[in-house]
């Protein structure tokens, strides 16, 4: 067993993908969604996915679907789904 003086964090907070807010440990309404990347035939590529974290604030306002569509379109997973309309 090696004894080193390296400090290891027990908790690393996540950031909301839609708002860049830090998701606190007590935010029980937050979710993390993994979307698999697929090949040309529509099969999932093993171990290759994109992760989105959405905070409870976004979900509580009812904007999770819109935010997820916007993020997926920015990453090239969707085409012509989200458009800003406010």
PDB file of N, CA and C in Angstrom:
ATOM      1  N   UNK A   1       0.834  -1.167   0.000  1.00  0.00           N
ATOM      2  CA  UNK A   1       0.000   0.000   0.000  1.00  0.00           C
ATOM      3  C   UNK A   1       0.888   1.243   0.000  1.00  0.00           C
ATOM      4  N   UNK A   2       0.605   2.140  -0.875  1.00  0.00           N
ATOM      5  CA  UNK A   2       1.357   3.385  -0.979  1.00  0.00           C
ATOM      6  C   UNK A   2       0.705   4.463  -0.136  1.00  0.00           C
ATOM      7  N   UNK A   3       1.492   5.179   0.586  1.00  0.00           N
ATOM      8  CA  UNK A   3       0.981   6.295   1.375  1.00  0.00           C
ATOM      9  C   UNK A   3       1.494   7.588   0.754  1.00  0.00           C
ATOM     10  N   UNK A   4       0.569   8.337   0.192  1.00  0.00           N
ATOM     11  CA  UNK A   4       0.930   9.620  -0.399  1.00  0.00           C
ATOM     12  C   UNK A   4       0.083  10.713   0.227  1.00  0.00           C
ATOM     13  N   UNK A   5       0.506  11.908   0.093  1.00  0.00           N
ATOM     14  CA  UNK A   5      -0.219  13.047   0.654  1.00  0.00           C
ATOM     15  C   UNK A   5      -1.068  13.731  -0.406  1.00  0.00           C
ATOM     16  N   UNK A   6      -1.751  12.951  -1.209  1.00  0.00           N
ATOM     17  CA  UNK A   6      -2.624  13.487  -2.248  1.00  0.00           C
ATOM     18  C   UNK A   6      -4.024  13.632  -1.672  1.00  0.00           C
ATOM     19  N   UNK A   7      -4.579  14.822  -1.785  1.00  0.00           N
ATOM     20  CA  UNK A   7      -5.924  15.062  -1.295  1.00  0.00           C
ATOM     21  C   UNK A   7      -6.921  14.632  -2.365  1.00  0.00           C
ATOM     22  N   UNK A   8      -7.881  13.820  -1.971  1.00  0.00           N
ATOM     23  CA  UNK A   8      -8.888  13.314  -2.894  1.00  0.00           C
ATOM     24  C   UNK A   8     -10.233  13.911  -2.505  1.00  0.00           C
ATOM     25  N   UNK A   9     -10.903  14.505  -3.456  1.00  0.00           N
ATOM     26  CA  UNK A   9     -12.218  15.084  -3.199  1.00  0.00           C
ATOM     27  C   UNK A   9     -13.250  13.967  -3.097  1.00  0.00           C
ATOM     28  N   UNK A  10     -14.081  14.017  -2.067  1.00  0.00           N
ATOM     29  CA  UNK A  10     -15.123  13.019  -1.901  1.00  0.00           C
ATOM     30  C   UNK A  10     -16.360  13.359  -2.722  1.00  0.00           C
ATOM     31  N   UNK A  11     -16.563  14.629  -2.984  1.00  0.00           N
ATOM     32  CA  UNK A  11     -17.735  15.057  -3.742  1.00  0.00           C
ATOM     33  C   UNK A  11     -17.301  16.106  -4.761  1.00  0.00           C
ATOM     34  N   UNK A  12     -17.583  15.863  -6.003  1.00  0.00           N
ATOM     35  CA  UNK A  12     -17.293  16.821  -7.066  1.00  0.00           C
ATOM     36  C   UNK A  12     -18.636  17.290  -7.619  1.00  0.00           C
ATOM     37  N   UNK A  13     -19.004  18.547  -7.404  1.00  0.00           N
ATOM     38  CA  UNK A  13     -20.307  19.013  -7.874  1.00  0.00           C
ATOM     39  C   UNK A  13     -20.372  19.076  -9.395  1.00  0.00           C
ATOM     40  N   UNK A  14     -21.572  18.825  -9.906  1.00  0.00           N
ATOM     41  CA  UNK A  14     -21.805  18.924 -11.349  1.00  0.00           C
ATOM     42  C   UNK A  14     -22.319  20.319 -11.668  1.00  0.00           C
ATOM     43  N   UNK A  15     -22.255  20.673 -12.950  1.00  0.00           N
ATOM     44  CA  UNK A  15     -22.817  21.938 -13.410  1.00  0.00           C
ATOM     45  C   UNK A  15     -23.955  21.626 -14.369  1.00  0.00           C
ATOM     46  N   UNK A  16     -24.999  22.423 -14.282  1.00  0.00           N
ATOM     47  CA  UNK A  16     -26.134  22.264 -15.183  1.00  0.00           C
ATOM     48  C   UNK A  16     -25.677  22.582 -16.604  1.00  0.00           C
ATOM     49  N   UNK A  17     -25.997  21.709 -17.527  1.00  0.00           N
ATOM     50  CA  UNK A  17     -25.592  21.906 -18.919  1.00  0.00           C
ATOM     51  C   UNK A  17     -26.330  23.071 -19.566  1.00  0.00           C
ATOM     52  N   UNK A  18     -27.525  23.385 -19.074  1.00  0.00           N
ATOM     53  CA  UNK A  18     -28.328  24.441 -19.682  1.00  0.00           C
ATOM     54  C   UNK A  18     -27.997  25.824 -19.121  1.00  0.00           C
ATOM     55  N   UNK A  19     -27.723  25.917 -17.817  1.00  0.00           N
ATOM     56  CA  UNK A  19     -27.544  27.224 -17.186  1.00  0.00           C
ATOM     57  C   UNK A  19     -26.155  27.449 -16.607  1.00  0.00           C
ATOM     58  N   UNK A  20     -25.330  26.443 -16.554  1.00  0.00           N
ATOM     59  CA  UNK A  20     -24.000  26.479 -15.924  1.00  0.00           C
ATOM     60  C   UNK A  20     -24.058  26.750 -14.429  1.00  0.00           C
ATOM     61  N   UNK A  21     -25.220  26.538 -13.807  1.00  0.00           N
ATOM     62  CA  UNK A  21     -25.321  26.628 -12.351  1.00  0.00           C
ATOM     63  C   UNK A  21     -24.727  25.363 -11.742  1.00  0.00           C
ATOM     64  N   UNK A  22     -24.139  25.499 -10.574  1.00  0.00           N
ATOM     65  CA  UNK A  22     -23.645  24.323  -9.861  1.00  0.00           C
ATOM     66  C   UNK A  22     -24.842  23.585  -9.284  1.00  0.00           C
ATOM     67  N   UNK A  23     -24.888  22.282  -9.489  1.00  0.00           N
ATOM     68  CA  UNK A  23     -25.960  21.451  -8.950  1.00  0.00           C
ATOM     69  C   UNK A  23     -25.538  21.017  -7.554  1.00  0.00           C
ATOM     70  N   UNK A  24     -26.260  21.459  -6.557  1.00  0.00           N
ATOM     71  CA  UNK A  24     -25.925  21.165  -5.168  1.00  0.00           C
ATOM     72  C   UNK A  24     -26.278  19.720  -4.829  1.00  0.00           C
ATOM     73  N   UNK A  25     -25.700  19.235  -3.754  1.00  0.00           N
ATOM     74  CA  UNK A  25     -25.926  17.852  -3.334  1.00  0.00           C
ATOM     75  C   UNK A  25     -27.381  17.612  -2.941  1.00  0.00           C
ATOM     76  N   UNK A  26     -28.069  18.628  -2.465  1.00  0.00           N
ATOM     77  CA  UNK A  26     -29.459  18.479  -2.020  1.00  0.00           C
ATOM     78  C   UNK A  26     -30.480  18.760  -3.122  1.00  0.00           C
ATOM     79  N   UNK A  27     -30.033  18.970  -4.337  1.00  0.00           N
ATOM     80  CA  UNK A  27     -30.946  19.201  -5.462  1.00  0.00           C
ATOM     81  C   UNK A  27     -31.443  17.846  -5.959  1.00  0.00           C
ATOM     82  N   UNK A  28     -32.509  17.368  -5.326  1.00  0.00           N
ATOM     83  CA  UNK A  28     -33.020  16.043  -5.651  1.00  0.00           C
ATOM     84  C   UNK A  28     -33.883  16.034  -6.911  1.00  0.00           C
ATOM     85  N   UNK A  29     -34.138  17.183  -7.496  1.00  0.00           N
ATOM     86  CA  UNK A  29     -34.913  17.252  -8.735  1.00  0.00           C
ATOM     87  C   UNK A  29     -34.018  17.244  -9.966  1.00  0.00           C
ATOM     88  N   UNK A  30     -32.710  17.281  -9.766  1.00  0.00           N
ATOM     89  CA  UNK A  30     -31.792  17.307 -10.911  1.00  0.00           C
ATOM     90  C   UNK A  30     -31.659  15.913 -11.519  1.00  0.00           C
ATOM     91  N   UNK A  31     -31.335  15.877 -12.800  1.00  0.00           N
ATOM     92  CA  UNK A  31     -31.144  14.607 -13.509  1.00  0.00           C
ATOM     93  C   UNK A  31     -29.882  14.686 -14.352  1.00  0.00           C
ATOM     94  N   UNK A  32     -29.338  13.525 -14.638  1.00  0.00           N
ATOM     95  CA  UNK A  32     -28.208  13.409 -15.558  1.00  0.00           C
ATOM     96  C   UNK A  32     -28.628  12.427 -16.635  1.00  0.00           C
ATOM     97  N   UNK A  33     -28.531  12.842 -17.880  1.00  0.00           N
ATOM     98  CA  UNK A  33     -28.999  12.043 -19.012  1.00  0.00           C
ATOM     99  C   UNK A  33     -27.825  11.734 -19.921  1.00  0.00           C
ATOM    100  N   UNK A  34     -27.645  10.465 -20.249  1.00  0.00           N
ATOM    101  CA  UNK A  34     -26.616  10.037 -21.193  1.00  0.00           C
ATOM    102  C   UNK A  34     -27.293   9.684 -22.507  1.00  0.00           C
ATOM    103  N   UNK A  35     -26.833  10.259 -23.595  1.00  0.00           N
ATOM    104  CA  UNK A  35     -27.361   9.961 -24.925  1.00  0.00           C
ATOM    105  C   UNK A  35     -26.248   9.298 -25.718  1.00  0.00           C
ATOM    106  N   UNK A  36     -26.514   8.087 -26.183  1.00  0.00           N
ATOM    107  CA  UNK A  36     -25.499   7.322 -26.913  1.00  0.00           C
ATOM    108  C   UNK A  36     -25.324   7.874 -28.320  1.00  0.00           C
ATOM    109  N   UNK A  37     -24.086   7.893 -28.771  1.00  0.00           N
ATOM    110  CA  UNK A  37     -23.811   8.226 -30.166  1.00  0.00           C
ATOM    111  C   UNK A  37     -24.055   6.974 -30.995  1.00  0.00           C
ATOM    112  N   UNK A  38     -24.518   7.149 -32.229  1.00  0.00           N
ATOM    113  CA  UNK A  38     -24.848   6.009 -33.081  1.00  0.00           C
ATOM    114  C   UNK A  38     -24.049   6.074 -34.375  1.00  0.00           C
ATOM    115  N   UNK A  39     -23.905   4.909 -35.003  1.00  0.00           N
ATOM    116  CA  UNK A  39     -23.217   4.857 -36.291  1.00  0.00           C
ATOM    117  C   UNK A  39     -24.224   5.096 -37.412  1.00  0.00           C
ATOM    118  N   UNK A  40     -23.795   4.947 -38.648  1.00  0.00           N
ATOM    119  CA  UNK A  40     -24.663   5.217 -39.800  1.00  0.00           C
ATOM    120  C   UNK A  40     -25.856   4.275 -39.869  1.00  0.00           C
ATOM    121  N   UNK A  41     -25.741   3.103 -39.256  1.00  0.00           N
ATOM    122  CA  UNK A  41     -26.831   2.123 -39.286  1.00  0.00           C
ATOM    123  C   UNK A  41     -27.783   2.267 -38.107  1.00  0.00           C
ATOM    124  N   UNK A  42     -27.537   3.236 -37.238  1.00  0.00           N
ATOM    125  CA  UNK A  42     -28.426   3.478 -36.118  1.00  0.00           C
ATOM    126  C   UNK A  42     -28.114   2.670 -34.878  1.00  0.00           C
ATOM    127  N   UNK A  43     -26.985   1.982 -34.859  1.00  0.00           N
ATOM    128  CA  UNK A  43     -26.600   1.193 -33.687  1.00  0.00           C
ATOM    129  C   UNK A  43     -25.740   2.044 -32.755  1.00  0.00           C
ATOM    130  N   UNK A  44     -25.954   1.867 -31.452  1.00  0.00           N
ATOM    131  CA  UNK A  44     -25.197   2.627 -30.456  1.00  0.00           C
ATOM    132  C   UNK A  44     -23.732   2.218 -30.475  1.00  0.00           C
ATOM    133  N   UNK A  45     -22.860   3.196 -30.382  1.00  0.00           N
ATOM    134  CA  UNK A  45     -21.423   2.955 -30.300  1.00  0.00           C
ATOM    135  C   UNK A  45     -21.095   2.744 -28.824  1.00  0.00           C
ATOM    136  N   UNK A  46     -20.548   1.589 -28.493  1.00  0.00           N
ATOM    137  CA  UNK A  46     -20.280   1.232 -27.097  1.00  0.00           C
ATOM    138  C   UNK A  46     -19.288   2.207 -26.462  1.00  0.00           C
ATOM    139  N   UNK A  47     -19.654   2.728 -25.307  1.00  0.00           N
ATOM    140  CA  UNK A  47     -18.773   3.612 -24.558  1.00  0.00           C
ATOM    141  C   UNK A  47     -18.675   5.028 -25.075  1.00  0.00           C
ATOM    142  N   UNK A  48     -19.413   5.369 -26.106  1.00  0.00           N
ATOM    143  CA  UNK A  48     -19.347   6.717 -26.674  1.00  0.00           C
ATOM    144  C   UNK A  48     -20.706   7.384 -26.502  1.00  0.00           C
ATOM    145  N   UNK A  49     -20.805   8.273 -25.519  1.00  0.00           N
ATOM    146  CA  UNK A  49     -22.065   8.960 -25.288  1.00  0.00           C
ATOM    147  C   UNK A  49     -21.806  10.399 -24.877  1.00  0.00           C
ATOM    148  N   UNK A  50     -22.863  11.172 -24.866  1.00  0.00           N
ATOM    149  CA  UNK A  50     -22.815  12.569 -24.440  1.00  0.00           C
ATOM    150  C   UNK A  50     -23.674  12.676 -23.189  1.00  0.00           C
ATOM    151  N   UNK A  51     -23.151  13.339 -22.169  1.00  0.00           N
ATOM    152  CA  UNK A  51     -23.842  13.460 -20.890  1.00  0.00           C
ATOM    153  C   UNK A  51     -24.332  14.888 -20.700  1.00  0.00           C
ATOM    154  N   UNK A  52     -25.593  15.008 -20.321  1.00  0.00           N
ATOM    155  CA  UNK A  52     -26.184  16.297 -19.983  1.00  0.00           C
ATOM    156  C   UNK A  52     -26.694  16.225 -18.551  1.00  0.00           C
ATOM    157  N   UNK A  53     -26.444  17.259 -17.780  1.00  0.00           N
ATOM    158  CA  UNK A  53     -26.965  17.368 -16.422  1.00  0.00           C
ATOM    159  C   UNK A  53     -27.906  18.564 -16.388  1.00  0.00           C
ATOM    160  N   UNK A  54     -29.111  18.344 -15.890  1.00  0.00           N
ATOM    161  CA  UNK A  54     -30.105  19.413 -15.806  1.00  0.00           C
ATOM    162  C   UNK A  54     -30.477  19.624 -14.342  1.00  0.00           C
ATOM    163  N   UNK A  55     -30.420  20.869 -13.884  1.00  0.00           N
ATOM    164  CA  UNK A  55     -30.718  21.171 -12.486  1.00  0.00           C
ATOM    165  C   UNK A  55     -32.229  21.192 -12.256  1.00  0.00           C
ATOM    166  N   UNK A  56     -32.606  21.112 -10.999  1.00  0.00           N
ATOM    167  CA  UNK A  56     -34.013  21.123 -10.633  1.00  0.00           C
ATOM    168  C   UNK A  56     -34.707  22.421 -10.984  1.00  0.00           C
ATOM    169  N   UNK A  57     -33.965  23.523 -11.026  1.00  0.00           N
ATOM    170  CA  UNK A  57     -34.537  24.819 -11.389  1.00  0.00           C
ATOM    171  C   UNK A  57     -35.104  24.780 -12.809  1.00  0.00           C
ATOM    172  N   UNK A  58     -34.354  24.239 -13.742  1.00  0.00           N
ATOM    173  CA  UNK A  58     -34.806  24.138 -15.137  1.00  0.00           C
ATOM    174  C   UNK A  58     -35.991  23.188 -15.238  1.00  0.00           C
ATOM    175  N   UNK A  59     -35.913  22.067 -14.538  1.00  0.00           N
ATOM    176  CA  UNK A  59     -37.007  21.103 -14.578  1.00  0.00           C
ATOM    177  C   UNK A  59     -38.267  21.667 -13.941  1.00  0.00           C
ATOM    178  N   UNK A  60     -38.114  22.425 -12.862  1.00  0.00           N
ATOM    179  CA  UNK A  60     -39.264  23.013 -12.182  1.00  0.00           C
ATOM    180  C   UNK A  60     -39.967  24.074 -13.011  1.00  0.00           C
ATOM    181  N   UNK A  61     -39.231  24.756 -13.859  1.00  0.00           N
ATOM    182  CA  UNK A  61     -39.827  25.767 -14.737  1.00  0.00           C
ATOM    183  C   UNK A  61     -40.434  25.156 -15.995  1.00  0.00           C
ATOM    184  N   UNK A  62     -40.248  23.854 -16.197  1.00  0.00           N
ATOM    185  CA  UNK A  62     -40.799  23.192 -17.375  1.00  0.00           C
ATOM    186  C   UNK A  62     -39.994  23.439 -18.632  1.00  0.00           C
ATOM    187  N   UNK A  63     -38.700  23.737 -18.497  1.00  0.00           N
ATOM    188  CA  UNK A  63     -37.864  24.041 -19.653  1.00  0.00           C
ATOM    189  C   UNK A  63     -36.828  22.961 -19.946  1.00  0.00           C
ATOM    190  N   UNK A  64     -36.980  21.797 -19.324  1.00  0.00           N
ATOM    191  CA  UNK A  64     -35.986  20.735 -19.513  1.00  0.00           C
ATOM    192  C   UNK A  64     -35.998  20.211 -20.947  1.00  0.00           C
ATOM    193  N   UNK A  65     -37.178  20.019 -21.511  1.00  0.00           N
ATOM    194  CA  UNK A  65     -37.277  19.497 -22.879  1.00  0.00           C
ATOM    195  C   UNK A  65     -36.674  20.478 -23.877  1.00  0.00           C
ATOM    196  N   UNK A  66     -37.004  21.738 -23.724  1.00  0.00           N
ATOM    197  CA  UNK A  66     -36.472  22.767 -24.618  1.00  0.00           C
ATOM    198  C   UNK A  66     -34.952  22.876 -24.485  1.00  0.00           C
ATOM    199  N   UNK A  67     -34.465  22.818 -23.257  1.00  0.00           N
ATOM    200  CA  UNK A  67     -33.019  22.906 -23.025  1.00  0.00           C
ATOM    201  C   UNK A  67     -32.292  21.702 -23.597  1.00  0.00           C
ATOM    202  N   UNK A  68     -32.864  20.518 -23.418  1.00  0.00           N
ATOM    203  CA  UNK A  68     -32.233  19.306 -23.942  1.00  0.00           C
ATOM    204  C   UNK A  68     -32.204  19.328 -25.469  1.00  0.00           C
ATOM    205  N   UNK A  69     -33.275  19.798 -26.097  1.00  0.00           N
ATOM    206  CA  UNK A  69     -33.288  19.923 -27.560  1.00  0.00           C
ATOM    207  C   UNK A  69     -32.233  20.916 -28.038  1.00  0.00           C
ATOM    208  N   UNK A  70     -32.092  22.044 -27.346  1.00  0.00           N
ATOM    209  CA  UNK A  70     -31.102  23.055 -27.710  1.00  0.00           C
ATOM    210  C   UNK A  70     -29.687  22.503 -27.587  1.00  0.00           C
ATOM    211  N   UNK A  71     -29.402  21.823 -26.483  1.00  0.00           N
ATOM    212  CA  UNK A  71     -28.065  21.265 -26.271  1.00  0.00           C
ATOM    213  C   UNK A  71     -27.746  20.171 -27.284  1.00  0.00           C
ATOM    214  N   UNK A  72     -28.724  19.314 -27.564  1.00  0.00           N
ATOM    215  CA  UNK A  72     -28.505  18.236 -28.531  1.00  0.00           C
ATOM    216  C   UNK A  72     -28.301  18.789 -29.936  1.00  0.00           C
ATOM    217  N   UNK A  73     -28.992  19.866 -30.276  1.00  0.00           N
ATOM    218  CA  UNK A  73     -28.802  20.479 -31.592  1.00  0.00           C
ATOM    219  C   UNK A  73     -27.423  21.126 -31.686  1.00  0.00           C
ATOM    220  N   UNK A  74     -26.953  21.739 -30.605  1.00  0.00           N
ATOM    221  CA  UNK A  74     -25.611  22.332 -30.601  1.00  0.00           C
ATOM    222  C   UNK A  74     -24.535  21.272 -30.782  1.00  0.00           C
ATOM    223  N   UNK A  75     -24.773  20.068 -30.243  1.00  0.00           N
ATOM    224  CA  UNK A  75     -23.795  18.984 -30.354  1.00  0.00           C
ATOM    225  C   UNK A  75     -23.957  18.167 -31.629  1.00  0.00           C
ATOM    226  N   UNK A  76     -24.916  18.522 -32.479  1.00  0.00           N
ATOM    227  CA  UNK A  76     -25.091  17.844 -33.750  1.00  0.00           C
ATOM    228  C   UNK A  76     -25.900  16.568 -33.686  1.00  0.00           C
ATOM    229  N   UNK A  77     -26.640  16.360 -32.598  1.00  0.00           N
ATOM    230  CA  UNK A  77     -27.464  15.157 -32.478  1.00  0.00           C
ATOM    231  C   UNK A  77     -28.835  15.339 -33.119  1.00  0.00           C
ATOM    232  N   UNK A  78     -29.316  16.568 -33.160  1.00  0.00           N
ATOM    233  CA  UNK A  78     -30.609  16.886 -33.762  1.00  0.00           C
ATOM    234  C   UNK A  78     -30.410  17.976 -34.805  1.00  0.00           C
ATOM    235  N   UNK A  79     -31.357  18.039 -35.746  1.00  0.00           N
ATOM    236  CA  UNK A  79     -31.308  19.085 -36.763  1.00  0.00           C
ATOM    237  C   UNK A  79     -32.644  19.806 -36.817  1.00  0.00           C
ATOM    238  N   UNK A  80     -32.596  21.129 -36.798  1.00  0.00           N
ATOM    239  CA  UNK A  80     -33.765  21.995 -36.985  1.00  0.00           C
ATOM    240  C   UNK A  80     -34.912  21.673 -36.037  1.00  0.00           C
ATOM    241  N   UNK A  81     -34.594  21.458 -34.762  1.00  0.00           N
ATOM    242  CA  UNK A  81     -35.634  21.176 -33.781  1.00  0.00           C
ATOM    243  C   UNK A  81     -35.867  22.381 -32.887  1.00  0.00           C
ATOM    244  N   UNK A  82     -34.792  22.998 -32.442  1.00  0.00           N
ATOM    245  CA  UNK A  82     -34.905  24.099 -31.497  1.00  0.00           C
ATOM    246  C   UNK A  82     -34.695  25.417 -32.206  1.00  0.00           C
ATOM    247  N   UNK A  83     -35.584  26.370 -31.914  1.00  0.00           N
ATOM    248  CA  UNK A  83     -35.372  27.734 -32.397  1.00  0.00           C
ATOM    249  C   UNK A  83     -35.832  28.686 -31.305  1.00  0.00           C
ATOM    250  N   UNK A  84     -35.098  29.747 -31.108  1.00  0.00           N
ATOM    251  CA  UNK A  84     -35.413  30.710 -30.063  1.00  0.00           C
ATOM    252  C   UNK A  84     -36.664  31.479 -30.453  1.00  0.00           C
ATOM    253  N   UNK A  85     -37.687  31.451 -29.581  1.00  0.00           N
ATOM    254  CA  UNK A  85     -38.945  32.113 -29.934  1.00  0.00           C
ATOM    255  C   UNK A  85     -39.538  32.827 -28.724  1.00  0.00           C
ATOM    256  N   UNK A  86     -38.824  33.811 -28.195  1.00  0.00           N
ATOM    257  CA  UNK A  86     -39.379  34.577 -27.069  1.00  0.00           C
ATOM    258  C   UNK A  86     -39.373  36.029 -27.381  1.00  0.00           C
TER     259      UNK A  86
END
